[in-house]
């Protein structure tokens, strides 16, 4: 399932920078559009798209879903990427959450940095 740029922008950028950050000249929005959205589409939404058929109950498509998180708590914590389960999972530092499971699909250090930013 492919999600629109608007949905992803609201989900991630809206959470991290507040809904007032939607100006095209905003560097955070440009970063999201250029680096984060393509990464989510390529590496994450195949399993985390919020559909009933998804491999995971965690949806990365809505701000409310990211805040609610899954069985272990919120996926993201505003202002604290170090405690955000999403960042711990992609860094593979959490004792239970390790994303991506397939070594060939794991995120590079630069990709993790893009998400954290």
PDB file of N, CA and C in Angstrom:
ATOM      1  N   UNK A   1       0.844  -1.172   0.000  1.00  0.00           N
ATOM      2  CA  UNK A   1       0.000   0.000   0.000  1.00  0.00           C
ATOM      3  C   UNK A   1       0.891   1.236   0.000  1.00  0.00           C
ATOM      4  N   UNK A   2       0.689   2.134  -0.925  1.00  0.00           N
ATOM      5  CA  UNK A   2       1.494   3.343  -0.991  1.00  0.00           C
ATOM      6  C   UNK A   2       0.725   4.497  -0.354  1.00  0.00           C
ATOM      7  N   UNK A   3       1.409   5.260   0.452  1.00  0.00           N
ATOM      8  CA  UNK A   3       0.781   6.364   1.164  1.00  0.00           C
ATOM      9  C   UNK A   3       1.200   7.683   0.539  1.00  0.00           C
ATOM     10  N   UNK A   4       0.345   8.641   0.677  1.00  0.00           N
ATOM     11  CA  UNK A   4       0.618   9.937   0.084  1.00  0.00           C
ATOM     12  C   UNK A   4       1.683  10.687   0.873  1.00  0.00           C
ATOM     13  N   UNK A   5       2.329  11.593   0.212  1.00  0.00           N
ATOM     14  CA  UNK A   5       3.335  12.442   0.848  1.00  0.00           C
ATOM     15  C   UNK A   5       2.711  13.195   2.021  1.00  0.00           C
ATOM     16  N   UNK A   6       1.481  13.633   1.886  1.00  0.00           N
ATOM     17  CA  UNK A   6       0.816  14.385   2.951  1.00  0.00           C
ATOM     18  C   UNK A   6       0.668  13.537   4.205  1.00  0.00           C
ATOM     19  N   UNK A   7       0.239  12.279   4.073  1.00  0.00           N
ATOM     20  CA  UNK A   7       0.089  11.411   5.236  1.00  0.00           C
ATOM     21  C   UNK A   7       1.411  11.239   5.962  1.00  0.00           C
ATOM     22  N   UNK A   8       2.457  10.951   5.239  1.00  0.00           N
ATOM     23  CA  UNK A   8       3.757  10.747   5.863  1.00  0.00           C
ATOM     24  C   UNK A   8       4.287  12.039   6.459  1.00  0.00           C
ATOM     25  N   UNK A   9       4.081  13.142   5.788  1.00  0.00           N
ATOM     26  CA  UNK A   9       4.534  14.431   6.289  1.00  0.00           C
ATOM     27  C   UNK A   9       3.859  14.751   7.608  1.00  0.00           C
ATOM     28  N   UNK A  10       2.563  14.514   7.685  1.00  0.00           N
ATOM     29  CA  UNK A  10       1.838  14.754   8.928  1.00  0.00           C
ATOM     30  C   UNK A  10       2.329  13.816  10.018  1.00  0.00           C
ATOM     31  N   UNK A  11       2.539  12.571   9.679  1.00  0.00           N
ATOM     32  CA  UNK A  11       2.931  11.573  10.672  1.00  0.00           C
ATOM     33  C   UNK A  11       4.278  11.879  11.306  1.00  0.00           C
ATOM     34  N   UNK A  12       5.287  12.081  10.513  1.00  0.00           N
ATOM     35  CA  UNK A  12       6.630  12.234  11.043  1.00  0.00           C
ATOM     36  C   UNK A  12       6.994  13.691  11.300  1.00  0.00           C
ATOM     37  N   UNK A  13       6.918  14.527  10.291  1.00  0.00           N
ATOM     38  CA  UNK A  13       7.310  15.920  10.452  1.00  0.00           C
ATOM     39  C   UNK A  13       6.368  16.646  11.383  1.00  0.00           C
ATOM     40  N   UNK A  14       5.083  16.366  11.267  1.00  0.00           N
ATOM     41  CA  UNK A  14       4.113  16.993  12.159  1.00  0.00           C
ATOM     42  C   UNK A  14       4.400  16.674  13.602  1.00  0.00           C
ATOM     43  N   UNK A  15       4.791  15.448  13.871  1.00  0.00           N
ATOM     44  CA  UNK A  15       5.128  15.067  15.243  1.00  0.00           C
ATOM     45  C   UNK A  15       6.384  15.782  15.712  1.00  0.00           C
ATOM     46  N   UNK A  16       7.418  15.682  14.935  1.00  0.00           N
ATOM     47  CA  UNK A  16       8.718  16.163  15.369  1.00  0.00           C
ATOM     48  C   UNK A  16       8.814  17.683  15.435  1.00  0.00           C
ATOM     49  N   UNK A  17       8.148  18.381  14.548  1.00  0.00           N
ATOM     50  CA  UNK A  17       8.358  19.820  14.441  1.00  0.00           C
ATOM     51  C   UNK A  17       7.100  20.655  14.615  1.00  0.00           C
ATOM     52  N   UNK A  18       5.975  20.047  14.878  1.00  0.00           N
ATOM     53  CA  UNK A  18       4.738  20.785  15.049  1.00  0.00           C
ATOM     54  C   UNK A  18       4.065  21.055  13.723  1.00  0.00           C
ATOM     55  N   UNK A  19       2.763  21.106  13.739  1.00  0.00           N
ATOM     56  CA  UNK A  19       2.006  21.245  12.499  1.00  0.00           C
ATOM     57  C   UNK A  19       2.224  22.585  11.807  1.00  0.00           C
ATOM     58  N   UNK A  20       2.839  23.532  12.465  1.00  0.00           N
ATOM     59  CA  UNK A  20       3.097  24.827  11.838  1.00  0.00           C
ATOM     60  C   UNK A  20       4.295  24.796  10.896  1.00  0.00           C
ATOM     61  N   UNK A  21       4.975  23.669  10.786  1.00  0.00           N
ATOM     62  CA  UNK A  21       6.219  23.585  10.026  1.00  0.00           C
ATOM     63  C   UNK A  21       6.024  23.196   8.569  1.00  0.00           C
ATOM     64  N   UNK A  22       4.840  23.386   8.010  1.00  0.00           N
ATOM     65  CA  UNK A  22       4.566  22.860   6.682  1.00  0.00           C
ATOM     66  C   UNK A  22       4.889  23.817   5.534  1.00  0.00           C
ATOM     67  N   UNK A  23       5.758  24.748   5.730  1.00  0.00           N
ATOM     68  CA  UNK A  23       6.149  25.641   4.647  1.00  0.00           C
ATOM     69  C   UNK A  23       7.192  24.949   3.776  1.00  0.00           C
ATOM     70  N   UNK A  24       7.069  25.128   2.461  1.00  0.00           N
ATOM     71  CA  UNK A  24       8.009  24.493   1.533  1.00  0.00           C
ATOM     72  C   UNK A  24       9.451  24.940   1.765  1.00  0.00           C
ATOM     73  N   UNK A  25       9.637  26.123   2.314  1.00  0.00           N
ATOM     74  CA  UNK A  25      10.988  26.613   2.535  1.00  0.00           C
ATOM     75  C   UNK A  25      11.550  26.187   3.898  1.00  0.00           C
ATOM     76  N   UNK A  26      10.799  25.406   4.644  1.00  0.00           N
ATOM     77  CA  UNK A  26      11.255  24.935   5.941  1.00  0.00           C
ATOM     78  C   UNK A  26      12.298  23.836   5.741  1.00  0.00           C
ATOM     79  N   UNK A  27      13.485  23.957   6.337  1.00  0.00           N
ATOM     80  CA  UNK A  27      14.529  22.953   6.135  1.00  0.00           C
ATOM     81  C   UNK A  27      14.139  21.570   6.661  1.00  0.00           C
ATOM     82  N   UNK A  28      13.323  21.516   7.698  1.00  0.00           N
ATOM     83  CA  UNK A  28      12.879  20.232   8.229  1.00  0.00           C
ATOM     84  C   UNK A  28      11.965  19.523   7.244  1.00  0.00           C
ATOM     85  N   UNK A  29      11.102  20.282   6.607  1.00  0.00           N
ATOM     86  CA  UNK A  29      10.205  19.708   5.607  1.00  0.00           C
ATOM     87  C   UNK A  29      11.009  19.235   4.400  1.00  0.00           C
ATOM     88  N   UNK A  30      11.960  20.048   3.975  1.00  0.00           N
ATOM     89  CA  UNK A  30      12.815  19.633   2.854  1.00  0.00           C
ATOM     90  C   UNK A  30      13.583  18.362   3.183  1.00  0.00           C
ATOM     91  N   UNK A  31      14.108  18.282   4.404  1.00  0.00           N
ATOM     92  CA  UNK A  31      14.825  17.076   4.832  1.00  0.00           C
ATOM     93  C   UNK A  31      13.883  15.871   4.808  1.00  0.00           C
ATOM     94  N   UNK A  32      12.700  16.046   5.340  1.00  0.00           N
ATOM     95  CA  UNK A  32      11.740  14.941   5.341  1.00  0.00           C
ATOM     96  C   UNK A  32      11.430  14.489   3.923  1.00  0.00           C
ATOM     97  N   UNK A  33      11.122  15.435   3.057  1.00  0.00           N
ATOM     98  CA  UNK A  33      10.757  15.101   1.675  1.00  0.00           C
ATOM     99  C   UNK A  33      11.893  14.405   0.928  1.00  0.00           C
ATOM    100  N   UNK A  34      13.110  14.867   1.154  1.00  0.00           N
ATOM    101  CA  UNK A  34      14.251  14.342   0.402  1.00  0.00           C
ATOM    102  C   UNK A  34      14.830  13.058   0.998  1.00  0.00           C
ATOM    103  N   UNK A  35      14.822  12.933   2.321  1.00  0.00           N
ATOM    104  CA  UNK A  35      15.556  11.841   2.954  1.00  0.00           C
ATOM    105  C   UNK A  35      14.668  10.842   3.714  1.00  0.00           C
ATOM    106  N   UNK A  36      13.715  11.346   4.493  1.00  0.00           N
ATOM    107  CA  UNK A  36      12.957  10.462   5.385  1.00  0.00           C
ATOM    108  C   UNK A  36      11.814   9.749   4.658  1.00  0.00           C
ATOM    109  N   UNK A  37      11.029  10.489   3.917  1.00  0.00           N
ATOM    110  CA  UNK A  37       9.903   9.855   3.220  1.00  0.00           C
ATOM    111  C   UNK A  37      10.352   8.710   2.312  1.00  0.00           C
ATOM    112  N   UNK A  38      11.348   8.911   1.445  1.00  0.00           N
ATOM    113  CA  UNK A  38      11.777   7.790   0.598  1.00  0.00           C
ATOM    114  C   UNK A  38      12.280   6.593   1.411  1.00  0.00           C
ATOM    115  N   UNK A  39      12.943   6.861   2.511  1.00  0.00           N
ATOM    116  CA  UNK A  39      13.432   5.797   3.377  1.00  0.00           C
ATOM    117  C   UNK A  39      12.274   4.996   3.972  1.00  0.00           C
ATOM    118  N   UNK A  40      11.261   5.691   4.481  1.00  0.00           N
ATOM    119  CA  UNK A  40      10.099   5.008   5.050  1.00  0.00           C
ATOM    120  C   UNK A  40       9.382   4.174   4.006  1.00  0.00           C
ATOM    121  N   UNK A  41       9.216   4.737   2.838  1.00  0.00           N
ATOM    122  CA  UNK A  41       8.526   4.013   1.766  1.00  0.00           C
ATOM    123  C   UNK A  41       9.321   2.772   1.382  1.00  0.00           C
ATOM    124  N   UNK A  42      10.634   2.925   1.212  1.00  0.00           N
ATOM    125  CA  UNK A  42      11.470   1.808   0.766  1.00  0.00           C
ATOM    126  C   UNK A  42      11.659   0.734   1.835  1.00  0.00           C
ATOM    127  N   UNK A  43      11.896   1.144   3.068  1.00  0.00           N
ATOM    128  CA  UNK A  43      12.339   0.194   4.085  1.00  0.00           C
ATOM    129  C   UNK A  43      11.305  -0.174   5.144  1.00  0.00           C
ATOM    130  N   UNK A  44      10.272   0.647   5.341  1.00  0.00           N
ATOM    131  CA  UNK A  44       9.422   0.458   6.520  1.00  0.00           C
ATOM    132  C   UNK A  44       7.953   0.156   6.236  1.00  0.00           C
ATOM    133  N   UNK A  45       7.386   0.835   5.258  1.00  0.00           N
ATOM    134  CA  UNK A  45       5.938   0.741   5.079  1.00  0.00           C
ATOM    135  C   UNK A  45       5.458  -0.600   4.549  1.00  0.00           C
ATOM    136  N   UNK A  46       6.345  -1.429   4.054  1.00  0.00           N
ATOM    137  CA  UNK A  46       5.944  -2.760   3.625  1.00  0.00           C
ATOM    138  C   UNK A  46       5.365  -3.573   4.774  1.00  0.00           C
ATOM    139  N   UNK A  47       5.871  -3.353   5.979  1.00  0.00           N
ATOM    140  CA  UNK A  47       5.393  -4.080   7.169  1.00  0.00           C
ATOM    141  C   UNK A  47       4.629  -3.183   8.141  1.00  0.00           C
ATOM    142  N   UNK A  48       4.794  -1.868   8.032  1.00  0.00           N
ATOM    143  CA  UNK A  48       4.233  -0.940   9.018  1.00  0.00           C
ATOM    144  C   UNK A  48       3.316   0.098   8.370  1.00  0.00           C
ATOM    145  N   UNK A  49       2.405  -0.362   7.515  1.00  0.00           N
ATOM    146  CA  UNK A  49       1.536   0.581   6.808  1.00  0.00           C
ATOM    147  C   UNK A  49       0.160   0.750   7.455  1.00  0.00           C
ATOM    148  N   UNK A  50      -0.090   0.070   8.567  1.00  0.00           N
ATOM    149  CA  UNK A  50      -1.353   0.224   9.271  1.00  0.00           C
ATOM    150  C   UNK A  50      -2.500  -0.607   8.723  1.00  0.00           C
ATOM    151  N   UNK A  51      -2.257  -1.376   7.684  1.00  0.00           N
ATOM    152  CA  UNK A  51      -3.324  -2.186   7.109  1.00  0.00           C
ATOM    153  C   UNK A  51      -3.527  -3.462   7.931  1.00  0.00           C
ATOM    154  N   UNK A  52      -4.661  -4.078   7.765  1.00  0.00           N
ATOM    155  CA  UNK A  52      -4.949  -5.336   8.456  1.00  0.00           C
ATOM    156  C   UNK A  52      -4.018  -6.448   7.994  1.00  0.00           C
ATOM    157  N   UNK A  53      -3.511  -6.333   6.769  1.00  0.00           N
ATOM    158  CA  UNK A  53      -2.626  -7.349   6.208  1.00  0.00           C
ATOM    159  C   UNK A  53      -1.156  -7.135   6.574  1.00  0.00           C
ATOM    160  N   UNK A  54      -0.842  -6.053   7.255  1.00  0.00           N
ATOM    161  CA  UNK A  54       0.548  -5.724   7.585  1.00  0.00           C
ATOM    162  C   UNK A  54       1.161  -6.772   8.505  1.00  0.00           C
ATOM    163  N   UNK A  55       2.472  -6.923   8.396  1.00  0.00           N
ATOM    164  CA  UNK A  55       3.209  -7.867   9.239  1.00  0.00           C
ATOM    165  C   UNK A  55       3.285  -7.412  10.690  1.00  0.00           C
ATOM    166  N   UNK A  56       3.088  -6.132  10.926  1.00  0.00           N
ATOM    167  CA  UNK A  56       3.202  -5.566  12.266  1.00  0.00           C
ATOM    168  C   UNK A  56       2.001  -4.685  12.569  1.00  0.00           C
ATOM    169  N   UNK A  57       1.621  -4.664  13.835  1.00  0.00           N
ATOM    170  CA  UNK A  57       0.520  -3.795  14.256  1.00  0.00           C
ATOM    171  C   UNK A  57       0.954  -2.328  14.321  1.00  0.00           C
ATOM    172  N   UNK A  58       2.253  -2.082  14.409  1.00  0.00           N
ATOM    173  CA  UNK A  58       2.743  -0.706  14.461  1.00  0.00           C
ATOM    174  C   UNK A  58       2.625  -0.054  13.093  1.00  0.00           C
ATOM    175  N   UNK A  59       1.929   1.058  13.053  1.00  0.00           N
ATOM    176  CA  UNK A  59       1.779   1.825  11.817  1.00  0.00           C
ATOM    177  C   UNK A  59       2.681   3.048  11.868  1.00  0.00           C
ATOM    178  N   UNK A  60       3.387   3.300  10.774  1.00  0.00           N
ATOM    179  CA  UNK A  60       4.235   4.487  10.667  1.00  0.00           C
ATOM    180  C   UNK A  60       3.588   5.551   9.795  1.00  0.00           C
ATOM    181  N   UNK A  61       2.279   5.462   9.595  1.00  0.00           N
ATOM    182  CA  UNK A  61       1.604   6.379   8.682  1.00  0.00           C
ATOM    183  C   UNK A  61       0.846   7.493   9.379  1.00  0.00           C
ATOM    184  N   UNK A  62       0.603   7.379  10.668  1.00  0.00           N
ATOM    185  CA  UNK A  62      -0.159   8.398  11.381  1.00  0.00           C
ATOM    186  C   UNK A  62       0.553   8.815  12.665  1.00  0.00           C
ATOM    187  N   UNK A  63       0.502  10.078  12.963  1.00  0.00           N
ATOM    188  CA  UNK A  63       1.113  10.606  14.178  1.00  0.00           C
ATOM    189  C   UNK A  63       0.567   9.903  15.413  1.00  0.00           C
ATOM    190  N   UNK A  64      -0.735   9.727  15.475  1.00  0.00           N
ATOM    191  CA  UNK A  64      -1.348   9.085  16.638  1.00  0.00           C
ATOM    192  C   UNK A  64      -0.848   7.656  16.814  1.00  0.00           C
ATOM    193  N   UNK A  65      -0.623   6.965  15.717  1.00  0.00           N
ATOM    194  CA  UNK A  65      -0.121   5.590  15.796  1.00  0.00           C
ATOM    195  C   UNK A  65       1.315   5.566  16.312  1.00  0.00           C
ATOM    196  N   UNK A  66       2.124   6.509  15.894  1.00  0.00           N
ATOM    197  CA  UNK A  66       3.504   6.589  16.373  1.00  0.00           C
ATOM    198  C   UNK A  66       3.552   6.907  17.863  1.00  0.00           C
ATOM    199  N   UNK A  67       2.669   7.780  18.303  1.00  0.00           N
ATOM    200  CA  UNK A  67       2.615   8.130  19.721  1.00  0.00           C
ATOM    201  C   UNK A  67       2.085   6.977  20.560  1.00  0.00           C
ATOM    202  N   UNK A  68       1.111   6.252  20.042  1.00  0.00           N
ATOM    203  CA  UNK A  68       0.553   5.108  20.764  1.00  0.00           C
ATOM    204  C   UNK A  68       1.542   3.952  20.766  1.00  0.00           C
ATOM    205  N   UNK A  69       2.223   3.761  19.651  1.00  0.00           N
ATOM    206  CA  UNK A  69       3.214   2.708  19.542  1.00  0.00           C
ATOM    207  C   UNK A  69       2.605   1.328  19.523  1.00  0.00           C
ATOM    208  N   UNK A  70       3.325   0.408  20.089  1.00  0.00           N
ATOM    209  CA  UNK A  70       2.895  -0.991  20.105  1.00  0.00           C
ATOM    210  C   UNK A  70       2.917  -1.546  21.506  1.00  0.00           C
ATOM    211  N   UNK A  71       3.184  -2.832  21.603  1.00  0.00           N
ATOM    212  CA  UNK A  71       3.157  -3.516  22.887  1.00  0.00           C
ATOM    213  C   UNK A  71       4.181  -2.976  23.877  1.00  0.00           C
ATOM    214  N   UNK A  72       5.268  -2.420  23.390  1.00  0.00           N
ATOM    215  CA  UNK A  72       6.334  -1.943  24.273  1.00  0.00           C
ATOM    216  C   UNK A  72       6.276  -0.454  24.566  1.00  0.00           C
ATOM    217  N   UNK A  73       5.288   0.238  23.988  1.00  0.00           N
ATOM    218  CA  UNK A  73       5.144   1.661  24.258  1.00  0.00           C
ATOM    219  C   UNK A  73       5.219   2.504  23.011  1.00  0.00           C
ATOM    220  N   UNK A  74       5.269   3.823  23.203  1.00  0.00           N
ATOM    221  CA  UNK A  74       5.301   4.752  22.065  1.00  0.00           C
ATOM    222  C   UNK A  74       6.515   4.525  21.169  1.00  0.00           C
ATOM    223  N   UNK A  75       6.301   4.614  19.862  1.00  0.00           N
ATOM    224  CA  UNK A  75       7.394   4.433  18.911  1.00  0.00           C
ATOM    225  C   UNK A  75       8.325   5.637  18.905  1.00  0.00           C
ATOM    226  N   UNK A  76       7.777   6.812  19.148  1.00  0.00           N
ATOM    227  CA  UNK A  76       8.586   8.030  19.167  1.00  0.00           C
ATOM    228  C   UNK A  76       8.269   8.833  20.427  1.00  0.00           C
ATOM    229  N   UNK A  77       9.277   9.548  20.913  1.00  0.00           N
ATOM    230  CA  UNK A  77       9.142  10.401  22.083  1.00  0.00           C
ATOM    231  C   UNK A  77       9.603  11.789  21.661  1.00  0.00           C
ATOM    232  N   UNK A  78       8.706  12.739  21.726  1.00  0.00           N
ATOM    233  CA  UNK A  78       9.022  14.101  21.297  1.00  0.00           C
ATOM    234  C   UNK A  78      10.219  14.657  22.062  1.00  0.00           C
ATOM    235  N   UNK A  79      11.203  15.142  21.310  1.00  0.00           N
ATOM    236  CA  UNK A  79      12.369  15.767  21.906  1.00  0.00           C
ATOM    237  C   UNK A  79      13.380  14.809  22.510  1.00  0.00           C
ATOM    238  N   UNK A  80      13.157  13.512  22.327  1.00  0.00           N
ATOM    239  CA  UNK A  80      14.070  12.542  22.931  1.00  0.00           C
ATOM    240  C   UNK A  80      14.251  11.345  22.013  1.00  0.00           C
ATOM    241  N   UNK A  81      14.985  11.551  20.943  1.00  0.00           N
ATOM    242  CA  UNK A  81      15.180  10.455  19.993  1.00  0.00           C
ATOM    243  C   UNK A  81      15.906   9.281  20.634  1.00  0.00           C
ATOM    244  N   UNK A  82      16.739   9.535  21.615  1.00  0.00           N
ATOM    245  CA  UNK A  82      17.486   8.462  22.275  1.00  0.00           C
ATOM    246  C   UNK A  82      16.555   7.480  22.981  1.00  0.00           C
ATOM    247  N   UNK A  83      15.427   7.944  23.487  1.00  0.00           N
ATOM    248  CA  UNK A  83      14.485   7.060  24.176  1.00  0.00           C
ATOM    249  C   UNK A  83      13.364   6.582  23.262  1.00  0.00           C
ATOM    250  N   UNK A  84      13.345   7.048  22.035  1.00  0.00           N
ATOM    251  CA  UNK A  84      12.324   6.619  21.084  1.00  0.00           C
ATOM    252  C   UNK A  84      12.600   5.179  20.644  1.00  0.00           C
ATOM    253  N   UNK A  85      11.593   4.333  20.780  1.00  0.00           N
ATOM    254  CA  UNK A  85      11.751   2.930  20.403  1.00  0.00           C
ATOM    255  C   UNK A  85      12.075   2.777  18.921  1.00  0.00           C
ATOM    256  N   UNK A  86      11.549   3.659  18.086  1.00  0.00           N
ATOM    257  CA  UNK A  86      11.842   3.593  16.654  1.00  0.00           C
ATOM    258  C   UNK A  86      13.347   3.713  16.405  1.00  0.00           C
ATOM    259  N   UNK A  87      13.986   4.676  17.044  1.00  0.00           N
ATOM    260  CA  UNK A  87      15.428   4.876  16.866  1.00  0.00           C
ATOM    261  C   UNK A  87      16.203   3.713  17.475  1.00  0.00           C
ATOM    262  N   UNK A  88      15.798   3.250  18.646  1.00  0.00           N
ATOM    263  CA  UNK A  88      16.469   2.098  19.252  1.00  0.00           C
ATOM    264  C   UNK A  88      16.343   0.858  18.370  1.00  0.00           C
ATOM    265  N   UNK A  89      15.186   0.695  17.750  1.00  0.00           N
ATOM    266  CA  UNK A  89      14.968  -0.474  16.888  1.00  0.00           C
ATOM    267  C   UNK A  89      15.849  -0.426  15.642  1.00  0.00           C
ATOM    268  N   UNK A  90      15.934   0.727  14.994  1.00  0.00           N
ATOM    269  CA  UNK A  90      16.738   0.799  13.771  1.00  0.00           C
ATOM    270  C   UNK A  90      18.236   0.828  14.073  1.00  0.00           C
ATOM    271  N   UNK A  91      18.593   1.286  15.251  1.00  0.00           N
ATOM    272  CA  UNK A  91      19.999   1.212  15.676  1.00  0.00           C
ATOM    273  C   UNK A  91      20.361  -0.194  16.147  1.00  0.00           C
ATOM    274  N   UNK A  92      19.318  -0.963  16.466  1.00  0.00           N
ATOM    275  CA  UNK A  92      19.462  -2.329  16.964  1.00  0.00           C
ATOM    276  C   UNK A  92      20.089  -2.344  18.352  1.00  0.00           C
ATOM    277  N   UNK A  93      19.763  -1.331  19.179  1.00  0.00           N
ATOM    278  CA  UNK A  93      20.266  -1.248  20.544  1.00  0.00           C
ATOM    279  C   UNK A  93      19.226  -1.693  21.566  1.00  0.00           C
ATOM    280  N   UNK A  94      17.984  -1.837  21.156  1.00  0.00           N
ATOM    281  CA  UNK A  94      16.928  -2.304  22.057  1.00  0.00           C
ATOM    282  C   UNK A  94      17.060  -3.808  22.234  1.00  0.00           C
ATOM    283  N   UNK A  95      16.795  -4.311  23.436  1.00  0.00           N
ATOM    284  CA  UNK A  95      17.000  -5.748  23.677  1.00  0.00           C
ATOM    285  C   UNK A  95      15.998  -6.624  22.940  1.00  0.00           C
ATOM    286  N   UNK A  96      14.828  -6.086  22.556  1.00  0.00           N
ATOM    287  CA  UNK A  96      13.823  -6.888  21.859  1.00  0.00           C
ATOM    288  C   UNK A  96      13.566  -6.443  20.419  1.00  0.00           C
ATOM    289  N   UNK A  97      13.610  -5.156  20.181  1.00  0.00           N
ATOM    290  CA  UNK A  97      13.288  -4.621  18.855  1.00  0.00           C
ATOM    291  C   UNK A  97      14.547  -4.481  18.017  1.00  0.00           C
ATOM    292  N   UNK A  98      14.561  -5.137  16.881  1.00  0.00           N
ATOM    293  CA  UNK A  98      15.722  -5.082  15.979  1.00  0.00           C
ATOM    294  C   UNK A  98      15.205  -4.950  14.555  1.00  0.00           C
ATOM    295  N   UNK A  99      15.267  -3.746  14.006  1.00  0.00           N
ATOM    296  CA  UNK A  99      14.813  -3.508  12.638  1.00  0.00           C
ATOM    297  C   UNK A  99      16.006  -3.092  11.792  1.00  0.00           C
ATOM    298  N   UNK A 100      16.015  -3.462  10.686  1.00  0.00           N
ATOM    299  CA  UNK A 100      15.351  -4.477   9.888  1.00  0.00           C
ATOM    300  C   UNK A 100      15.866  -5.862  10.275  1.00  0.00           C
ATOM    301  N   UNK A 101      14.968  -6.851  10.285  1.00  0.00           N
ATOM    302  CA  UNK A 101      15.398  -8.203  10.638  1.00  0.00           C
ATOM    303  C   UNK A 101      16.395  -8.804   9.639  1.00  0.00           C
ATOM    304  N   UNK A 102      16.187  -8.558   8.372  1.00  0.00           N
ATOM    305  CA  UNK A 102      17.071  -9.109   7.330  1.00  0.00           C
ATOM    306  C   UNK A 102      18.322  -8.228   7.231  1.00  0.00           C
ATOM    307  N   UNK A 103      19.505  -8.803   7.419  1.00  0.00           N
ATOM    308  CA  UNK A 103      20.736  -8.010   7.350  1.00  0.00           C
ATOM    309  C   UNK A 103      20.877  -7.191   6.069  1.00  0.00           C
ATOM    310  N   UNK A 104      20.382  -7.705   4.971  1.00  0.00           N
ATOM    311  CA  UNK A 104      20.495  -6.985   3.697  1.00  0.00           C
ATOM    312  C   UNK A 104      19.642  -5.713   3.673  1.00  0.00           C
ATOM    313  N   UNK A 105      18.642  -5.640   4.529  1.00  0.00           N
ATOM    314  CA  UNK A 105      17.728  -4.490   4.542  1.00  0.00           C
ATOM    315  C   UNK A 105      18.010  -3.496   5.661  1.00  0.00           C
ATOM    316  N   UNK A 106      18.978  -3.745   6.490  1.00  0.00           N
ATOM    317  CA  UNK A 106      19.253  -2.870   7.629  1.00  0.00           C
ATOM    318  C   UNK A 106      19.653  -1.477   7.168  1.00  0.00           C
ATOM    319  N   UNK A 107      19.314  -0.506   7.993  1.00  0.00           N
ATOM    320  CA  UNK A 107      19.604   0.885   7.667  1.00  0.00           C
ATOM    321  C   UNK A 107      21.075   1.206   7.908  1.00  0.00           C
ATOM    322  N   UNK A 108      21.591   2.061   7.068  1.00  0.00           N
ATOM    323  CA  UNK A 108      22.959   2.546   7.248  1.00  0.00           C
ATOM    324  C   UNK A 108      22.978   3.569   8.381  1.00  0.00           C
ATOM    325  N   UNK A 109      24.154   3.895   8.846  1.00  0.00           N
ATOM    326  CA  UNK A 109      24.296   4.923   9.882  1.00  0.00           C
ATOM    327  C   UNK A 109      23.720   6.257   9.407  1.00  0.00           C
ATOM    328  N   UNK A 110      23.914   6.574   8.140  1.00  0.00           N
ATOM    329  CA  UNK A 110      23.377   7.828   7.586  1.00  0.00           C
ATOM    330  C   UNK A 110      21.845   7.811   7.573  1.00  0.00           C
ATOM    331  N   UNK A 111      21.257   6.676   7.242  1.00  0.00           N
ATOM    332  CA  UNK A 111      19.801   6.576   7.230  1.00  0.00           C
ATOM    333  C   UNK A 111      19.227   6.706   8.643  1.00  0.00           C
ATOM    334  N   UNK A 112      19.874   6.085   9.604  1.00  0.00           N
ATOM    335  CA  UNK A 112      19.427   6.211  11.000  1.00  0.00           C
ATOM    336  C   UNK A 112      19.540   7.660  11.442  1.00  0.00           C
ATOM    337  N   UNK A 113      20.623   8.306  11.075  1.00  0.00           N
ATOM    338  CA  UNK A 113      20.806   9.726  11.402  1.00  0.00           C
ATOM    339  C   UNK A 113      19.706  10.576  10.772  1.00  0.00           C
ATOM    340  N   UNK A 114      19.329  10.261   9.545  1.00  0.00           N
ATOM    341  CA  UNK A 114      18.235  10.992   8.897  1.00  0.00           C
ATOM    342  C   UNK A 114      16.937  10.846   9.670  1.00  0.00           C
ATOM    343  N   UNK A 115      16.634   9.635  10.136  1.00  0.00           N
ATOM    344  CA  UNK A 115      15.431   9.427  10.928  1.00  0.00           C
ATOM    345  C   UNK A 115      15.506  10.168  12.256  1.00  0.00           C
ATOM    346  N   UNK A 116      16.633  10.098  12.893  1.00  0.00           N
ATOM    347  CA  UNK A 116      16.787  10.742  14.180  1.00  0.00           C
ATOM    348  C   UNK A 116      16.635  12.251  14.059  1.00  0.00           C
ATOM    349  N   UNK A 117      17.189  12.813  12.998  1.00  0.00           N
ATOM    350  CA  UNK A 117      17.084  14.256  12.777  1.00  0.00           C
ATOM    351  C   UNK A 117      15.651  14.659  12.616  1.00  0.00           C
TER     352      UNK A 117
END
